[in-house]
Protein backbone atom coordinates (compact mmCIF):
# COMPACT_ATOMS: atom_id res chain seq x y z
CA UNK A 1 0.00 0.00 0.00
CA UNK A 2 1.40 3.36 -1.09
CA UNK A 3 -0.43 5.44 1.54
CA UNK A 4 -0.56 5.24 5.31
CA UNK A 5 -3.56 3.82 7.14
CA UNK A 6 -4.22 7.30 8.49
CA UNK A 7 -4.38 8.81 4.99
CA UNK A 8 -6.42 5.82 3.79
CA UNK A 9 -9.02 6.38 6.54
CA UNK A 10 -9.18 10.12 5.85
CA UNK A 11 -9.64 9.59 2.11
CA UNK A 12 -12.39 7.03 2.75
CA UNK A 13 -14.11 9.54 5.01
CA UNK A 14 -13.90 12.13 2.23
CA UNK A 15 -15.49 9.69 -0.23
CA UNK A 16 -18.44 9.48 2.15
CA UNK A 17 -18.45 13.28 2.54
CA UNK A 18 -18.57 13.78 -1.23
CA UNK A 19 -21.35 11.23 -1.67
CA UNK A 20 -23.23 12.93 1.17
CA UNK A 21 -22.84 16.26 -0.63
CA UNK A 22 -24.26 14.65 -3.76
CA UNK A 23 -27.28 13.47 -1.81
CA UNK A 24 -27.73 16.89 -0.21
CA UNK A 25 -27.70 18.62 -3.59
CA UNK A 26 -30.19 16.07 -4.94
CA UNK A 27 -32.54 16.90 -2.06
CA UNK A 28 -32.09 20.62 -2.79
CA UNK A 29 -32.88 19.97 -6.44
CA UNK A 30 -36.09 18.16 -5.48
CA UNK A 31 -37.12 21.01 -3.17
CA UNK A 32 -36.51 23.61 -5.88
CA UNK A 33 -38.31 21.52 -8.50
CA UNK A 34 -41.32 21.30 -6.14
CA UNK A 35 -41.32 25.11 -6.06
CA UNK A 36 -41.41 25.20 -9.87
CA UNK A 37 -37.87 26.58 -10.12
CA UNK A 38 -36.70 24.30 -12.91
CA UNK A 39 -33.49 26.17 -13.75
CA UNK A 40 -32.29 26.19 -10.15
CA UNK A 41 -33.37 22.56 -9.75
CA UNK A 42 -31.32 21.63 -12.83
CA UNK A 43 -28.32 23.53 -11.47
CA UNK A 44 -28.42 21.56 -8.22
CA UNK A 45 -29.04 18.32 -10.11
CA UNK A 46 -25.84 19.03 -12.05
CA UNK A 47 -24.06 19.67 -8.73
CA UNK A 48 -25.32 16.27 -7.57
CA UNK A 49 -23.44 14.56 -10.39
CA UNK A 50 -20.30 16.67 -9.83
CA UNK A 51 -20.13 15.72 -6.15
CA UNK A 52 -20.66 12.06 -6.98
CA UNK A 53 -17.82 12.27 -9.50
CA UNK A 54 -15.60 13.87 -6.83
CA UNK A 55 -16.28 10.96 -4.48
CA UNK A 56 -15.67 8.33 -7.16
CA UNK A 57 -12.42 10.02 -8.17
CA UNK A 58 -11.12 9.72 -4.59
CA UNK A 59 -12.38 6.14 -4.37
CA UNK A 60 -10.52 5.24 -7.57
CA UNK A 61 -7.35 6.83 -6.18
CA UNK A 62 -7.64 4.80 -2.97
CA UNK A 63 -7.95 1.62 -5.00
CA UNK A 64 -5.18 2.60 -7.43
CA UNK A 65 -2.68 3.01 -4.58
CA UNK A 66 -3.55 -0.43 -3.21
CA UNK A 67 -5.43 0.82 -0.16
CA UNK A 68 -8.72 -0.43 1.25
CA UNK A 69 -11.91 1.33 0.21
CA UNK A 70 -14.65 1.93 2.74
CA UNK A 71 -17.87 3.86 2.19
CA UNK A 72 -19.66 5.09 5.30
CA UNK A 73 -23.37 5.55 5.88
CA UNK A 74 -24.99 8.73 4.63
CA UNK A 75 -27.24 10.91 6.75
CA UNK A 76 -30.65 11.83 5.37
CA UNK A 77 -30.43 15.35 3.94
CA UNK A 78 -32.96 18.10 4.63
CA UNK A 79 -35.77 18.18 2.07
CA UNK A 80 -37.12 21.65 2.86
CA UNK A 81 -35.64 25.10 3.44
CA UNK A 82 -37.21 28.35 4.65
CA UNK A 83 -36.43 30.08 1.33
CA UNK A 84 -34.49 29.78 -1.89
CA UNK A 85 -31.79 32.06 -0.48
CA UNK A 86 -31.57 29.80 2.60
CA UNK A 87 -31.15 26.81 0.28
CA UNK A 88 -28.27 28.45 -1.56
CA UNK A 89 -26.75 29.67 1.71
CA UNK A 90 -26.81 26.08 3.00
CA UNK A 91 -25.06 24.99 -0.20
CA UNK A 92 -22.40 27.70 0.23
CA UNK A 93 -21.84 26.69 3.84
CA UNK A 94 -21.52 23.10 2.72
CA UNK A 95 -18.89 24.06 0.13
CA UNK A 96 -16.96 25.98 2.79
CA UNK A 97 -17.07 22.87 4.99
CA UNK A 98 -15.81 20.69 2.14
CA UNK A 99 -13.02 23.21 1.52
CA UNK A 100 -11.90 22.83 5.15
CA UNK A 101 -12.05 19.03 4.78
CA UNK A 102 -9.89 19.14 1.66
CA UNK A 103 -7.39 21.47 3.34
CA UNK A 104 -7.23 19.08 6.31
CA UNK A 105 -6.52 16.21 3.91
CA UNK A 106 -3.74 18.21 2.27
CA UNK A 107 -2.23 18.96 5.69
CA UNK A 108 -2.41 15.29 6.65
CA UNK A 109 -0.76 14.22 3.39
CA UNK A 110 2.05 16.71 4.03
CA UNK A 111 2.46 15.54 7.65
CA UNK A 112 2.67 11.94 6.42
CA UNK A 113 5.10 12.98 3.68
CA UNK A 114 2.69 11.43 1.18
CA UNK A 115 3.56 13.45 -1.89
CA UNK A 116 1.45 11.36 -4.28
CA UNK A 117 -1.71 12.05 -2.30
CA UNK A 118 -0.68 15.69 -1.88
CA UNK A 119 -0.36 15.99 -5.64
CA UNK A 120 -3.67 14.20 -6.22
CA UNK A 121 -5.48 16.56 -3.82
CA UNK A 122 -4.35 19.72 -5.62
CA UNK A 123 -7.17 19.27 -8.13
CA UNK A 124 -9.66 19.38 -5.22
CA UNK A 125 -8.05 22.50 -3.75
CA UNK A 126 -8.48 24.26 -7.09
CA UNK A 127 -12.00 22.88 -7.58
CA UNK A 128 -13.13 24.22 -4.21
CA UNK A 129 -12.14 27.76 -5.20
CA UNK A 130 -14.53 27.44 -8.15
CA UNK A 131 -17.29 25.80 -6.08
CA UNK A 132 -17.22 28.46 -3.35
CA UNK A 133 -17.11 31.26 -5.91
CA UNK A 134 -20.10 29.84 -7.81
CA UNK A 135 -22.19 29.39 -4.67
CA UNK A 136 -21.24 32.87 -3.42
CA UNK A 137 -22.38 34.41 -6.72
CA UNK A 138 -25.57 32.37 -6.70
CA UNK A 139 -26.34 33.49 -3.15
CA UNK A 140 -25.79 37.12 -4.09
CA UNK A 141 -28.21 36.71 -7.01
CA UNK A 142 -30.80 34.93 -4.85
CA UNK A 143 -30.65 37.73 -2.29
CA UNK A 144 -30.92 40.41 -4.98
CA UNK A 145 -33.94 38.65 -6.51
CA UNK A 146 -35.69 38.53 -3.15
CA UNK A 147 -39.24 37.34 -3.75
CA UNK A 148 -38.93 37.73 -7.54
CA UNK A 149 -37.67 34.20 -8.13
CA UNK A 150 -38.66 34.21 -11.79
CA UNK A 151 -36.07 36.95 -12.39
CA UNK A 152 -33.50 34.70 -10.76
CA UNK A 153 -34.57 31.78 -12.96
CA UNK A 154 -34.39 33.89 -16.13
CA UNK A 155 -30.97 35.28 -15.19
CA UNK A 156 -29.55 31.84 -14.45
CA UNK A 157 -31.04 30.43 -17.64
CA UNK A 158 -29.63 33.29 -19.71
CA UNK A 159 -26.12 32.58 -18.44
CA UNK A 160 -26.44 28.79 -18.70
CA UNK A 161 -26.09 28.08 -14.98
CA UNK A 162 -29.03 25.71 -14.97
CA UNK A 163 -28.61 23.71 -18.16
CA UNK A 164 -31.46 21.26 -18.04
CA UNK A 165 -30.97 17.53 -17.78
CA UNK A 166 -33.09 17.18 -20.91
CA UNK A 167 -30.66 19.33 -22.90
CA UNK A 168 -27.71 17.33 -21.61
CA UNK A 169 -29.44 14.03 -22.36
CA UNK A 170 -30.37 15.23 -25.86
CA UNK A 171 -26.74 15.89 -26.79
CA UNK A 172 -26.07 12.19 -27.12
CA UNK A 173 -29.07 11.76 -29.43
CA UNK A 174 -27.58 14.06 -32.04
CA UNK A 175 -24.51 11.91 -32.65
C-alpha atoms as a PDB file:
ATOM      1  CA  UNK A   1       0.000   0.000   0.000  1.00  0.00           C
ATOM      2  CA  UNK A   2       1.399   3.360  -1.095  1.00  0.00           C
ATOM      3  CA  UNK A   3      -0.434   5.435   1.538  1.00  0.00           C
ATOM      4  CA  UNK A   4      -0.561   5.244   5.312  1.00  0.00           C
ATOM      5  CA  UNK A   5      -3.556   3.816   7.140  1.00  0.00           C
ATOM      6  CA  UNK A   6      -4.217   7.300   8.490  1.00  0.00           C
ATOM      7  CA  UNK A   7      -4.383   8.805   4.995  1.00  0.00           C
ATOM      8  CA  UNK A   8      -6.421   5.818   3.793  1.00  0.00           C
ATOM      9  CA  UNK A   9      -9.019   6.376   6.542  1.00  0.00           C
ATOM     10  CA  UNK A  10      -9.180  10.121   5.849  1.00  0.00           C
ATOM     11  CA  UNK A  11      -9.643   9.587   2.112  1.00  0.00           C
ATOM     12  CA  UNK A  12     -12.385   7.027   2.745  1.00  0.00           C
ATOM     13  CA  UNK A  13     -14.105   9.541   5.007  1.00  0.00           C
ATOM     14  CA  UNK A  14     -13.899  12.134   2.233  1.00  0.00           C
ATOM     15  CA  UNK A  15     -15.486   9.695  -0.230  1.00  0.00           C
ATOM     16  CA  UNK A  16     -18.443   9.477   2.146  1.00  0.00           C
ATOM     17  CA  UNK A  17     -18.452  13.278   2.543  1.00  0.00           C
ATOM     18  CA  UNK A  18     -18.575  13.784  -1.227  1.00  0.00           C
ATOM     19  CA  UNK A  19     -21.353  11.227  -1.671  1.00  0.00           C
ATOM     20  CA  UNK A  20     -23.235  12.932   1.167  1.00  0.00           C
ATOM     21  CA  UNK A  21     -22.836  16.258  -0.629  1.00  0.00           C
ATOM     22  CA  UNK A  22     -24.256  14.649  -3.756  1.00  0.00           C
ATOM     23  CA  UNK A  23     -27.280  13.468  -1.815  1.00  0.00           C
ATOM     24  CA  UNK A  24     -27.734  16.894  -0.206  1.00  0.00           C
ATOM     25  CA  UNK A  25     -27.702  18.618  -3.594  1.00  0.00           C
ATOM     26  CA  UNK A  26     -30.189  16.073  -4.937  1.00  0.00           C
ATOM     27  CA  UNK A  27     -32.535  16.904  -2.057  1.00  0.00           C
ATOM     28  CA  UNK A  28     -32.090  20.622  -2.789  1.00  0.00           C
ATOM     29  CA  UNK A  29     -32.880  19.970  -6.437  1.00  0.00           C
ATOM     30  CA  UNK A  30     -36.089  18.164  -5.480  1.00  0.00           C
ATOM     31  CA  UNK A  31     -37.116  21.006  -3.167  1.00  0.00           C
ATOM     32  CA  UNK A  32     -36.510  23.609  -5.880  1.00  0.00           C
ATOM     33  CA  UNK A  33     -38.315  21.521  -8.497  1.00  0.00           C
ATOM     34  CA  UNK A  34     -41.319  21.305  -6.145  1.00  0.00           C
ATOM     35  CA  UNK A  35     -41.321  25.114  -6.064  1.00  0.00           C
ATOM     36  CA  UNK A  36     -41.412  25.198  -9.873  1.00  0.00           C
ATOM     37  CA  UNK A  37     -37.871  26.580 -10.120  1.00  0.00           C
ATOM     38  CA  UNK A  38     -36.703  24.302 -12.913  1.00  0.00           C
ATOM     39  CA  UNK A  39     -33.492  26.166 -13.751  1.00  0.00           C
ATOM     40  CA  UNK A  40     -32.290  26.192 -10.147  1.00  0.00           C
ATOM     41  CA  UNK A  41     -33.372  22.563  -9.755  1.00  0.00           C
ATOM     42  CA  UNK A  42     -31.321  21.628 -12.833  1.00  0.00           C
ATOM     43  CA  UNK A  43     -28.319  23.535 -11.466  1.00  0.00           C
ATOM     44  CA  UNK A  44     -28.418  21.559  -8.219  1.00  0.00           C
ATOM     45  CA  UNK A  45     -29.042  18.320 -10.113  1.00  0.00           C
ATOM     46  CA  UNK A  46     -25.841  19.031 -12.048  1.00  0.00           C
ATOM     47  CA  UNK A  47     -24.062  19.673  -8.729  1.00  0.00           C
ATOM     48  CA  UNK A  48     -25.315  16.268  -7.571  1.00  0.00           C
ATOM     49  CA  UNK A  49     -23.439  14.563 -10.390  1.00  0.00           C
ATOM     50  CA  UNK A  50     -20.305  16.667  -9.826  1.00  0.00           C
ATOM     51  CA  UNK A  51     -20.126  15.723  -6.150  1.00  0.00           C
ATOM     52  CA  UNK A  52     -20.662  12.056  -6.980  1.00  0.00           C
ATOM     53  CA  UNK A  53     -17.820  12.265  -9.501  1.00  0.00           C
ATOM     54  CA  UNK A  54     -15.598  13.865  -6.833  1.00  0.00           C
ATOM     55  CA  UNK A  55     -16.283  10.956  -4.484  1.00  0.00           C
ATOM     56  CA  UNK A  56     -15.666   8.334  -7.161  1.00  0.00           C
ATOM     57  CA  UNK A  57     -12.416  10.016  -8.173  1.00  0.00           C
ATOM     58  CA  UNK A  58     -11.119   9.719  -4.593  1.00  0.00           C
ATOM     59  CA  UNK A  59     -12.382   6.139  -4.375  1.00  0.00           C
ATOM     60  CA  UNK A  60     -10.519   5.245  -7.567  1.00  0.00           C
ATOM     61  CA  UNK A  61      -7.349   6.828  -6.178  1.00  0.00           C
ATOM     62  CA  UNK A  62      -7.645   4.798  -2.966  1.00  0.00           C
ATOM     63  CA  UNK A  63      -7.955   1.616  -5.004  1.00  0.00           C
ATOM     64  CA  UNK A  64      -5.176   2.601  -7.431  1.00  0.00           C
ATOM     65  CA  UNK A  65      -2.680   3.008  -4.579  1.00  0.00           C
ATOM     66  CA  UNK A  66      -3.555  -0.425  -3.209  1.00  0.00           C
ATOM     67  CA  UNK A  67      -5.426   0.815  -0.164  1.00  0.00           C
ATOM     68  CA  UNK A  68      -8.718  -0.434   1.247  1.00  0.00           C
ATOM     69  CA  UNK A  69     -11.914   1.333   0.212  1.00  0.00           C
ATOM     70  CA  UNK A  70     -14.655   1.926   2.744  1.00  0.00           C
ATOM     71  CA  UNK A  71     -17.870   3.861   2.191  1.00  0.00           C
ATOM     72  CA  UNK A  72     -19.659   5.086   5.296  1.00  0.00           C
ATOM     73  CA  UNK A  73     -23.372   5.553   5.879  1.00  0.00           C
ATOM     74  CA  UNK A  74     -24.992   8.728   4.633  1.00  0.00           C
ATOM     75  CA  UNK A  75     -27.235  10.907   6.750  1.00  0.00           C
ATOM     76  CA  UNK A  76     -30.646  11.826   5.373  1.00  0.00           C
ATOM     77  CA  UNK A  77     -30.425  15.350   3.937  1.00  0.00           C
ATOM     78  CA  UNK A  78     -32.961  18.102   4.635  1.00  0.00           C
ATOM     79  CA  UNK A  79     -35.774  18.179   2.069  1.00  0.00           C
ATOM     80  CA  UNK A  80     -37.122  21.648   2.859  1.00  0.00           C
ATOM     81  CA  UNK A  81     -35.640  25.097   3.437  1.00  0.00           C
ATOM     82  CA  UNK A  82     -37.208  28.355   4.652  1.00  0.00           C
ATOM     83  CA  UNK A  83     -36.432  30.080   1.329  1.00  0.00           C
ATOM     84  CA  UNK A  84     -34.494  29.781  -1.890  1.00  0.00           C
ATOM     85  CA  UNK A  85     -31.788  32.061  -0.479  1.00  0.00           C
ATOM     86  CA  UNK A  86     -31.569  29.797   2.596  1.00  0.00           C
ATOM     87  CA  UNK A  87     -31.150  26.808   0.280  1.00  0.00           C
ATOM     88  CA  UNK A  88     -28.273  28.446  -1.556  1.00  0.00           C
ATOM     89  CA  UNK A  89     -26.746  29.674   1.706  1.00  0.00           C
ATOM     90  CA  UNK A  90     -26.814  26.081   2.996  1.00  0.00           C
ATOM     91  CA  UNK A  91     -25.055  24.992  -0.204  1.00  0.00           C
ATOM     92  CA  UNK A  92     -22.404  27.700   0.228  1.00  0.00           C
ATOM     93  CA  UNK A  93     -21.843  26.687   3.845  1.00  0.00           C
ATOM     94  CA  UNK A  94     -21.520  23.100   2.718  1.00  0.00           C
ATOM     95  CA  UNK A  95     -18.885  24.059   0.129  1.00  0.00           C
ATOM     96  CA  UNK A  96     -16.961  25.984   2.791  1.00  0.00           C
ATOM     97  CA  UNK A  97     -17.071  22.873   4.993  1.00  0.00           C
ATOM     98  CA  UNK A  98     -15.814  20.691   2.136  1.00  0.00           C
ATOM     99  CA  UNK A  99     -13.024  23.212   1.521  1.00  0.00           C
ATOM    100  CA  UNK A 100     -11.895  22.826   5.153  1.00  0.00           C
ATOM    101  CA  UNK A 101     -12.054  19.032   4.783  1.00  0.00           C
ATOM    102  CA  UNK A 102      -9.885  19.136   1.656  1.00  0.00           C
ATOM    103  CA  UNK A 103      -7.390  21.465   3.338  1.00  0.00           C
ATOM    104  CA  UNK A 104      -7.231  19.077   6.310  1.00  0.00           C
ATOM    105  CA  UNK A 105      -6.519  16.206   3.906  1.00  0.00           C
ATOM    106  CA  UNK A 106      -3.737  18.214   2.268  1.00  0.00           C
ATOM    107  CA  UNK A 107      -2.233  18.962   5.692  1.00  0.00           C
ATOM    108  CA  UNK A 108      -2.408  15.290   6.645  1.00  0.00           C
ATOM    109  CA  UNK A 109      -0.760  14.216   3.389  1.00  0.00           C
ATOM    110  CA  UNK A 110       2.049  16.706   4.028  1.00  0.00           C
ATOM    111  CA  UNK A 111       2.457  15.537   7.647  1.00  0.00           C
ATOM    112  CA  UNK A 112       2.666  11.943   6.424  1.00  0.00           C
ATOM    113  CA  UNK A 113       5.100  12.984   3.683  1.00  0.00           C
ATOM    114  CA  UNK A 114       2.689  11.431   1.178  1.00  0.00           C
ATOM    115  CA  UNK A 115       3.559  13.452  -1.891  1.00  0.00           C
ATOM    116  CA  UNK A 116       1.453  11.361  -4.280  1.00  0.00           C
ATOM    117  CA  UNK A 117      -1.711  12.050  -2.299  1.00  0.00           C
ATOM    118  CA  UNK A 118      -0.684  15.691  -1.877  1.00  0.00           C
ATOM    119  CA  UNK A 119      -0.363  15.992  -5.644  1.00  0.00           C
ATOM    120  CA  UNK A 120      -3.672  14.197  -6.215  1.00  0.00           C
ATOM    121  CA  UNK A 121      -5.485  16.556  -3.821  1.00  0.00           C
ATOM    122  CA  UNK A 122      -4.350  19.718  -5.616  1.00  0.00           C
ATOM    123  CA  UNK A 123      -7.168  19.272  -8.127  1.00  0.00           C
ATOM    124  CA  UNK A 124      -9.661  19.377  -5.220  1.00  0.00           C
ATOM    125  CA  UNK A 125      -8.049  22.497  -3.749  1.00  0.00           C
ATOM    126  CA  UNK A 126      -8.476  24.264  -7.092  1.00  0.00           C
ATOM    127  CA  UNK A 127     -11.996  22.879  -7.584  1.00  0.00           C
ATOM    128  CA  UNK A 128     -13.130  24.222  -4.206  1.00  0.00           C
ATOM    129  CA  UNK A 129     -12.142  27.760  -5.202  1.00  0.00           C
ATOM    130  CA  UNK A 130     -14.529  27.441  -8.149  1.00  0.00           C
ATOM    131  CA  UNK A 131     -17.288  25.801  -6.080  1.00  0.00           C
ATOM    132  CA  UNK A 132     -17.220  28.457  -3.346  1.00  0.00           C
ATOM    133  CA  UNK A 133     -17.108  31.257  -5.910  1.00  0.00           C
ATOM    134  CA  UNK A 134     -20.096  29.837  -7.807  1.00  0.00           C
ATOM    135  CA  UNK A 135     -22.191  29.391  -4.669  1.00  0.00           C
ATOM    136  CA  UNK A 136     -21.239  32.866  -3.421  1.00  0.00           C
ATOM    137  CA  UNK A 137     -22.376  34.413  -6.715  1.00  0.00           C
ATOM    138  CA  UNK A 138     -25.565  32.366  -6.700  1.00  0.00           C
ATOM    139  CA  UNK A 139     -26.344  33.485  -3.146  1.00  0.00           C
ATOM    140  CA  UNK A 140     -25.795  37.121  -4.089  1.00  0.00           C
ATOM    141  CA  UNK A 141     -28.205  36.708  -7.008  1.00  0.00           C
ATOM    142  CA  UNK A 142     -30.797  34.933  -4.854  1.00  0.00           C
ATOM    143  CA  UNK A 143     -30.650  37.728  -2.288  1.00  0.00           C
ATOM    144  CA  UNK A 144     -30.916  40.411  -4.982  1.00  0.00           C
ATOM    145  CA  UNK A 145     -33.939  38.648  -6.513  1.00  0.00           C
ATOM    146  CA  UNK A 146     -35.694  38.535  -3.148  1.00  0.00           C
ATOM    147  CA  UNK A 147     -39.240  37.336  -3.750  1.00  0.00           C
ATOM    148  CA  UNK A 148     -38.928  37.727  -7.541  1.00  0.00           C
ATOM    149  CA  UNK A 149     -37.668  34.201  -8.132  1.00  0.00           C
ATOM    150  CA  UNK A 150     -38.660  34.213 -11.792  1.00  0.00           C
ATOM    151  CA  UNK A 151     -36.073  36.947 -12.392  1.00  0.00           C
ATOM    152  CA  UNK A 152     -33.501  34.702 -10.760  1.00  0.00           C
ATOM    153  CA  UNK A 153     -34.569  31.777 -12.959  1.00  0.00           C
ATOM    154  CA  UNK A 154     -34.391  33.894 -16.128  1.00  0.00           C
ATOM    155  CA  UNK A 155     -30.974  35.282 -15.187  1.00  0.00           C
ATOM    156  CA  UNK A 156     -29.549  31.839 -14.451  1.00  0.00           C
ATOM    157  CA  UNK A 157     -31.043  30.428 -17.636  1.00  0.00           C
ATOM    158  CA  UNK A 158     -29.628  33.289 -19.709  1.00  0.00           C
ATOM    159  CA  UNK A 159     -26.122  32.578 -18.441  1.00  0.00           C
ATOM    160  CA  UNK A 160     -26.438  28.793 -18.702  1.00  0.00           C
ATOM    161  CA  UNK A 161     -26.095  28.077 -14.981  1.00  0.00           C
ATOM    162  CA  UNK A 162     -29.033  25.708 -14.975  1.00  0.00           C
ATOM    163  CA  UNK A 163     -28.613  23.711 -18.156  1.00  0.00           C
ATOM    164  CA  UNK A 164     -31.459  21.261 -18.037  1.00  0.00           C
ATOM    165  CA  UNK A 165     -30.969  17.531 -17.784  1.00  0.00           C
ATOM    166  CA  UNK A 166     -33.091  17.179 -20.914  1.00  0.00           C
ATOM    167  CA  UNK A 167     -30.663  19.326 -22.903  1.00  0.00           C
ATOM    168  CA  UNK A 168     -27.711  17.328 -21.609  1.00  0.00           C
ATOM    169  CA  UNK A 169     -29.439  14.034 -22.358  1.00  0.00           C
ATOM    170  CA  UNK A 170     -30.369  15.225 -25.860  1.00  0.00           C
ATOM    171  CA  UNK A 171     -26.743  15.890 -26.787  1.00  0.00           C
ATOM    172  CA  UNK A 172     -26.068  12.189 -27.118  1.00  0.00           C
ATOM    173  CA  UNK A 173     -29.072  11.756 -29.427  1.00  0.00           C
ATOM    174  CA  UNK A 174     -27.579  14.064 -32.035  1.00  0.00           C
ATOM    175  CA  UNK A 175     -24.509  11.910 -32.646  1.00  0.00           C
END
